[in-house]
Amino acid sequence: MDKLTSDIPLSIIEETDIPEIPLYMDQVTSFLDERLLGSMSSEDDTVLSKTMINNYVKSGVIEKPIKKKYSKSQLMKMIMVFHLKGVLPLASIKALFGWLENSPEYGDIKSVYCLFVSLQKKMIQEWKEQEIAWETATMEDMLTMMIRADLYKKIARRNVDSRQKK
């Protein structure tokens, strides 16, 4: 991993890296903590706690575990929720999952997850091509990133919410 890539706070978990066998809650949180630690914005952040996961299940964002075990598809959703929860409220994430899973273009969570990972890689490549290292970013660079992030967040939410109303 080169210096620039190691500065990018984004941990990518390939579909093939997710266990095929169902996992108990402690195994899920250990797996997510280990694999998503590099995506944390600060040391005080939590990847996904047991309480958070239980809330996602109660709200219908993640399906209920079968015999207290979570499947590979549920882990895929948890990983995407981890990355999306700073951009969209849970109701919008739930609507997004429903829309994507019922789309003839994608159809299942594995296809959606593979697209998600592919787009993460694309964004990292675009970042690397900009060649802006964190430690040398100017105030203009940082403000541009923040404004772009805010704008993209608002556009994404508006698009998800408008699809939910249809």
C-alpha atoms as a PDB file:
ATOM      1  CA  MET A   1       0.000   0.000   0.000  1.00  0.00           C
ATOM      2  CA  ASP A   2       1.526   3.319  -1.012  1.00  0.00           C
ATOM      3  CA  LYS A   3       1.637   6.374   1.253  1.00  0.00           C
ATOM      4  CA  LEU A   4      -1.294   8.081  -0.438  1.00  0.00           C
ATOM      5  CA  THR A   5      -3.547   5.045  -0.249  1.00  0.00           C
ATOM      6  CA  SER A   6      -2.695   4.461   3.414  1.00  0.00           C
ATOM      7  CA  ASP A   7      -3.852   8.025   4.143  1.00  0.00           C
ATOM      8  CA  ILE A   8      -7.334   7.295   2.801  1.00  0.00           C
ATOM      9  CA  PRO A   9      -9.675   6.464   5.679  1.00  0.00           C
ATOM     10  CA  LEU A  10     -11.590   3.758   3.864  1.00  0.00           C
ATOM     11  CA  SER A  11     -11.401   0.039   4.569  1.00  0.00           C
ATOM     12  CA  ILE A  12     -12.653  -2.057   1.703  1.00  0.00           C
ATOM     13  CA  ILE A  13     -13.988  -5.500   2.508  1.00  0.00           C
ATOM     14  CA  GLU A  14     -14.293  -7.621  -0.600  1.00  0.00           C
ATOM     15  CA  GLU A  15     -17.323  -9.889  -0.896  1.00  0.00           C
ATOM     16  CA  THR A  16     -14.969 -12.893  -0.849  1.00  0.00           C
ATOM     17  CA  ASP A  17     -13.489 -11.726   2.492  1.00  0.00           C
ATOM     18  CA  ILE A  18     -16.828 -12.000   4.269  1.00  0.00           C
ATOM     19  CA  PRO A  19     -17.315 -15.373   5.968  1.00  0.00           C
ATOM     20  CA  GLU A  20     -19.720 -17.740   4.225  1.00  0.00           C
ATOM     21  CA  ILE A  21     -20.829 -19.292   7.493  1.00  0.00           C
ATOM     22  CA  PRO A  22     -23.340 -17.489   9.742  1.00  0.00           C
ATOM     23  CA  LEU A  23     -21.824 -15.658  12.714  1.00  0.00           C
ATOM     24  CA  TYR A  24     -23.000 -14.955  16.250  1.00  0.00           C
ATOM     25  CA  MET A  25     -23.186 -11.321  17.377  1.00  0.00           C
ATOM     26  CA  ASP A  26     -19.784 -11.365  19.124  1.00  0.00           C
ATOM     27  CA  GLN A  27     -18.186 -12.798  15.989  1.00  0.00           C
ATOM     28  CA  VAL A  28     -19.906 -10.141  13.857  1.00  0.00           C
ATOM     29  CA  THR A  29     -18.699  -7.242  16.007  1.00  0.00           C
ATOM     30  CA  SER A  30     -15.173  -8.682  16.168  1.00  0.00           C
ATOM     31  CA  PHE A  31     -15.062  -9.115  12.382  1.00  0.00           C
ATOM     32  CA  LEU A  32     -16.385  -5.604  11.734  1.00  0.00           C
ATOM     33  CA  ASP A  33     -14.094  -3.998  14.331  1.00  0.00           C
ATOM     34  CA  GLU A  34     -11.066  -5.714  12.849  1.00  0.00           C
ATOM     35  CA  ARG A  35     -11.899  -5.006   9.208  1.00  0.00           C
ATOM     36  CA  LEU A  36     -13.364  -1.491   9.465  1.00  0.00           C
ATOM     37  CA  LEU A  37     -10.984   0.052  11.978  1.00  0.00           C
ATOM     38  CA  GLY A  38      -9.136   1.867   9.170  1.00  0.00           C
ATOM     39  CA  SER A  39     -12.356   3.621   8.165  1.00  0.00           C
ATOM     40  CA  MET A  40     -12.811   5.358  11.487  1.00  0.00           C
ATOM     41  CA  SER A  41     -12.852   9.152  11.394  1.00  0.00           C
ATOM     42  CA  SER A  42     -11.497   9.388  14.926  1.00  0.00           C
ATOM     43  CA  GLU A  43     -10.330   7.085  17.676  1.00  0.00           C
ATOM     44  CA  ASP A  44     -13.514   7.831  19.656  1.00  0.00           C
ATOM     45  CA  ASP A  45     -15.796   6.423  16.939  1.00  0.00           C
ATOM     46  CA  THR A  46     -17.402   3.000  17.157  1.00  0.00           C
ATOM     47  CA  VAL A  47     -17.577   0.670  14.195  1.00  0.00           C
ATOM     48  CA  LEU A  48     -20.930  -0.985  14.920  1.00  0.00           C
ATOM     49  CA  SER A  49     -21.875  -1.903  18.454  1.00  0.00           C
ATOM     50  CA  LYS A  50     -24.244  -4.705  19.436  1.00  0.00           C
ATOM     51  CA  THR A  51     -26.832  -2.068  20.339  1.00  0.00           C
ATOM     52  CA  MET A  52     -26.501  -0.391  16.944  1.00  0.00           C
ATOM     53  CA  ILE A  53     -26.895  -3.709  15.127  1.00  0.00           C
ATOM     54  CA  ASN A  54     -29.939  -4.588  17.255  1.00  0.00           C
ATOM     55  CA  ASN A  55     -31.455  -1.200  16.390  1.00  0.00           C
ATOM     56  CA  TYR A  56     -30.852  -1.834  12.675  1.00  0.00           C
ATOM     57  CA  VAL A  57     -32.661  -5.164  13.027  1.00  0.00           C
ATOM     58  CA  LYS A  58     -35.568  -3.601  14.968  1.00  0.00           C
ATOM     59  CA  SER A  59     -35.951  -0.856  12.355  1.00  0.00           C
ATOM     60  CA  GLY A  60     -35.897  -3.391   9.497  1.00  0.00           C
ATOM     61  CA  VAL A  61     -32.670  -2.145   7.892  1.00  0.00           C
ATOM     62  CA  ILE A  62     -31.078  -5.534   8.604  1.00  0.00           C
ATOM     63  CA  GLU A  63     -33.116  -8.749   8.633  1.00  0.00           C
ATOM     64  CA  LYS A  64     -33.524 -10.632  11.913  1.00  0.00           C
ATOM     65  CA  PRO A  65     -30.820 -13.217  12.587  1.00  0.00           C
ATOM     66  CA  ILE A  66     -31.736 -16.865  12.272  1.00  0.00           C
ATOM     67  CA  LYS A  67     -31.034 -18.757  15.494  1.00  0.00           C
ATOM     68  CA  LYS A  68     -28.990 -15.738  16.688  1.00  0.00           C
ATOM     69  CA  LYS A  69     -26.663 -16.003  13.686  1.00  0.00           C
ATOM     70  CA  TYR A  70     -26.081 -13.405  10.975  1.00  0.00           C
ATOM     71  CA  SER A  71     -25.613 -14.410   7.348  1.00  0.00           C
ATOM     72  CA  LYS A  72     -23.154 -13.121   4.794  1.00  0.00           C
ATOM     73  CA  SER A  73     -25.845 -10.934   3.220  1.00  0.00           C
ATOM     74  CA  GLN A  74     -26.630  -9.374   6.600  1.00  0.00           C
ATOM     75  CA  LEU A  75     -22.908  -8.638   7.083  1.00  0.00           C
ATOM     76  CA  MET A  76     -22.804  -6.988   3.662  1.00  0.00           C
ATOM     77  CA  LYS A  77     -25.651  -4.722   4.711  1.00  0.00           C
ATOM     78  CA  MET A  78     -23.945  -3.921   8.013  1.00  0.00           C
ATOM     79  CA  ILE A  79     -20.777  -2.904   6.192  1.00  0.00           C
ATOM     80  CA  MET A  80     -22.723  -0.644   3.856  1.00  0.00           C
ATOM     81  CA  VAL A  81     -24.694   0.814   6.793  1.00  0.00           C
ATOM     82  CA  PHE A  82     -21.396   1.604   8.510  1.00  0.00           C
ATOM     83  CA  HIS A  83     -20.265   3.631   5.502  1.00  0.00           C
ATOM     84  CA  LEU A  84     -23.650   5.199   4.745  1.00  0.00           C
ATOM     85  CA  LYS A  85     -24.839   6.143   8.242  1.00  0.00           C
ATOM     86  CA  GLY A  86     -22.907   9.416   8.153  1.00  0.00           C
ATOM     87  CA  VAL A  87     -24.611  10.355   4.906  1.00  0.00           C
ATOM     88  CA  LEU A  88     -28.194   9.115   5.226  1.00  0.00           C
ATOM     89  CA  PRO A  89     -30.616   8.567   8.100  1.00  0.00           C
ATOM     90  CA  LEU A  90     -31.542   4.935   8.765  1.00  0.00           C
ATOM     91  CA  ALA A  91     -34.976   5.270   7.169  1.00  0.00           C
ATOM     92  CA  SER A  92     -33.321   6.410   3.936  1.00  0.00           C
ATOM     93  CA  ILE A  93     -30.755   3.588   4.080  1.00  0.00           C
ATOM     94  CA  LYS A  94     -33.601   1.098   4.527  1.00  0.00           C
ATOM     95  CA  ALA A  95     -35.409   2.630   1.542  1.00  0.00           C
ATOM     96  CA  LEU A  96     -32.200   2.544  -0.505  1.00  0.00           C
ATOM     97  CA  PHE A  97     -31.666  -1.156   0.235  1.00  0.00           C
ATOM     98  CA  GLY A  98     -35.272  -1.919  -0.679  1.00  0.00           C
ATOM     99  CA  TRP A  99     -35.045   0.018  -3.914  1.00  0.00           C
ATOM    100  CA  LEU A 100     -31.727  -1.582  -4.927  1.00  0.00           C
ATOM    101  CA  GLU A 101     -32.781  -5.122  -4.012  1.00  0.00           C
ATOM    102  CA  ASN A 102     -36.018  -4.781  -5.968  1.00  0.00           C
ATOM    103  CA  SER A 103     -34.333  -3.207  -8.965  1.00  0.00           C
ATOM    104  CA  PRO A 104     -34.157  -5.468 -12.031  1.00  0.00           C
ATOM    105  CA  GLU A 105     -30.695  -4.040 -12.619  1.00  0.00           C
ATOM    106  CA  TYR A 106     -29.234  -5.359  -9.332  1.00  0.00           C
ATOM    107  CA  GLY A 107     -31.763  -7.706  -7.754  1.00  0.00           C
ATOM    108  CA  ASP A 108     -29.900  -9.059  -4.754  1.00  0.00           C
ATOM    109  CA  ILE A 109     -27.716  -7.835  -1.933  1.00  0.00           C
ATOM    110  CA  LYS A 110     -24.580  -9.547  -3.295  1.00  0.00           C
ATOM    111  CA  SER A 111     -24.829  -7.610  -6.577  1.00  0.00           C
ATOM    112  CA  VAL A 112     -25.486  -4.373  -4.699  1.00  0.00           C
ATOM    113  CA  TYR A 113     -22.550  -5.026  -2.358  1.00  0.00           C
ATOM    114  CA  CYS A 114     -20.171  -5.812  -5.228  1.00  0.00           C
ATOM    115  CA  LEU A 115     -21.220  -2.560  -6.913  1.00  0.00           C
ATOM    116  CA  PHE A 116     -20.634  -0.731  -3.615  1.00  0.00           C
ATOM    117  CA  VAL A 117     -17.088  -2.141  -3.309  1.00  0.00           C
ATOM    118  CA  SER A 118     -16.369  -1.381  -6.956  1.00  0.00           C
ATOM    119  CA  LEU A 119     -17.407   2.236  -6.433  1.00  0.00           C
ATOM    120  CA  GLN A 120     -15.284   2.493  -3.274  1.00  0.00           C
ATOM    121  CA  LYS A 121     -12.259   1.407  -5.306  1.00  0.00           C
ATOM    122  CA  LYS A 122     -13.125   3.892  -8.039  1.00  0.00           C
ATOM    123  CA  MET A 123     -13.340   6.740  -5.511  1.00  0.00           C
ATOM    124  CA  ILE A 124      -9.977   5.791  -4.024  1.00  0.00           C
ATOM    125  CA  GLN A 125      -8.424   5.762  -7.487  1.00  0.00           C
ATOM    126  CA  GLU A 126      -9.872   9.187  -8.224  1.00  0.00           C
ATOM    127  CA  TRP A 127      -8.507  10.465  -4.920  1.00  0.00           C
ATOM    128  CA  LYS A 128      -5.061   9.073  -5.706  1.00  0.00           C
ATOM    129  CA  GLU A 129      -5.117  10.762  -9.108  1.00  0.00           C
ATOM    130  CA  GLN A 130      -5.785  14.121  -7.444  1.00  0.00           C
ATOM    131  CA  GLU A 131      -2.574  13.598  -5.484  1.00  0.00           C
ATOM    132  CA  ILE A 132      -3.669  15.624  -2.489  1.00  0.00           C
ATOM    133  CA  ALA A 133      -1.978  14.213   0.581  1.00  0.00           C
ATOM    134  CA  TRP A 134      -3.678  14.893   3.908  1.00  0.00           C
ATOM    135  CA  GLU A 135      -0.659  16.552   5.457  1.00  0.00           C
ATOM    136  CA  THR A 136      -0.123  18.942   2.517  1.00  0.00           C
ATOM    137  CA  ALA A 137      -3.776  19.826   1.827  1.00  0.00           C
ATOM    138  CA  THR A 138      -4.349  23.571   1.704  1.00  0.00           C
ATOM    139  CA  MET A 139      -7.251  25.326   3.366  1.00  0.00           C
ATOM    140  CA  GLU A 140      -8.849  25.587  -0.085  1.00  0.00           C
ATOM    141  CA  ASP A 141      -8.412  21.812  -0.598  1.00  0.00           C
ATOM    142  CA  MET A 142     -10.025  21.045   2.768  1.00  0.00           C
ATOM    143  CA  LEU A 143     -12.916  23.477   2.291  1.00  0.00           C
ATOM    144  CA  THR A 144     -13.510  22.107  -1.207  1.00  0.00           C
ATOM    145  CA  MET A 145     -13.699  18.556   0.181  1.00  0.00           C
ATOM    146  CA  MET A 146     -16.100  19.618   2.945  1.00  0.00           C
ATOM    147  CA  ILE A 147     -18.368  21.566   0.609  1.00  0.00           C
ATOM    148  CA  ARG A 148     -18.348  18.716  -1.919  1.00  0.00           C
ATOM    149  CA  ALA A 149     -19.151  16.192   0.835  1.00  0.00           C
ATOM    150  CA  ASP A 150     -22.011  18.350   2.131  1.00  0.00           C
ATOM    151  CA  LEU A 151     -23.410  18.866  -1.364  1.00  0.00           C
ATOM    152  CA  TYR A 152     -23.156  15.171  -2.276  1.00  0.00           C
ATOM    153  CA  LYS A 153     -24.789  14.212   1.023  1.00  0.00           C
ATOM    154  CA  LYS A 154     -27.751  16.517   0.358  1.00  0.00           C
ATOM    155  CA  ILE A 155     -28.140  15.360  -3.246  1.00  0.00           C
ATOM    156  CA  ALA A 156     -27.944  11.689  -2.229  1.00  0.00           C
ATOM    157  CA  ARG A 157     -30.560  12.122   0.469  1.00  0.00           C
ATOM    158  CA  ARG A 158     -32.880  14.036  -1.856  1.00  0.00           C
ATOM    159  CA  ASN A 159     -32.593  11.317  -4.508  1.00  0.00           C
ATOM    160  CA  VAL A 160     -33.196   8.452  -2.074  1.00  0.00           C
ATOM    161  CA  ASP A 161     -36.098  10.261  -0.442  1.00  0.00           C
ATOM    162  CA  SER A 162     -37.721  11.070  -3.804  1.00  0.00           C
ATOM    163  CA  ARG A 163     -37.541   7.394  -4.836  1.00  0.00           C
ATOM    164  CA  GLN A 164     -39.051   6.398  -1.506  1.00  0.00           C
ATOM    165  CA  LYS A 165     -42.120   8.591  -2.200  1.00  0.00           C
ATOM    166  CA  LYS A 166     -42.783   6.938  -5.569  1.00  0.00           C
END
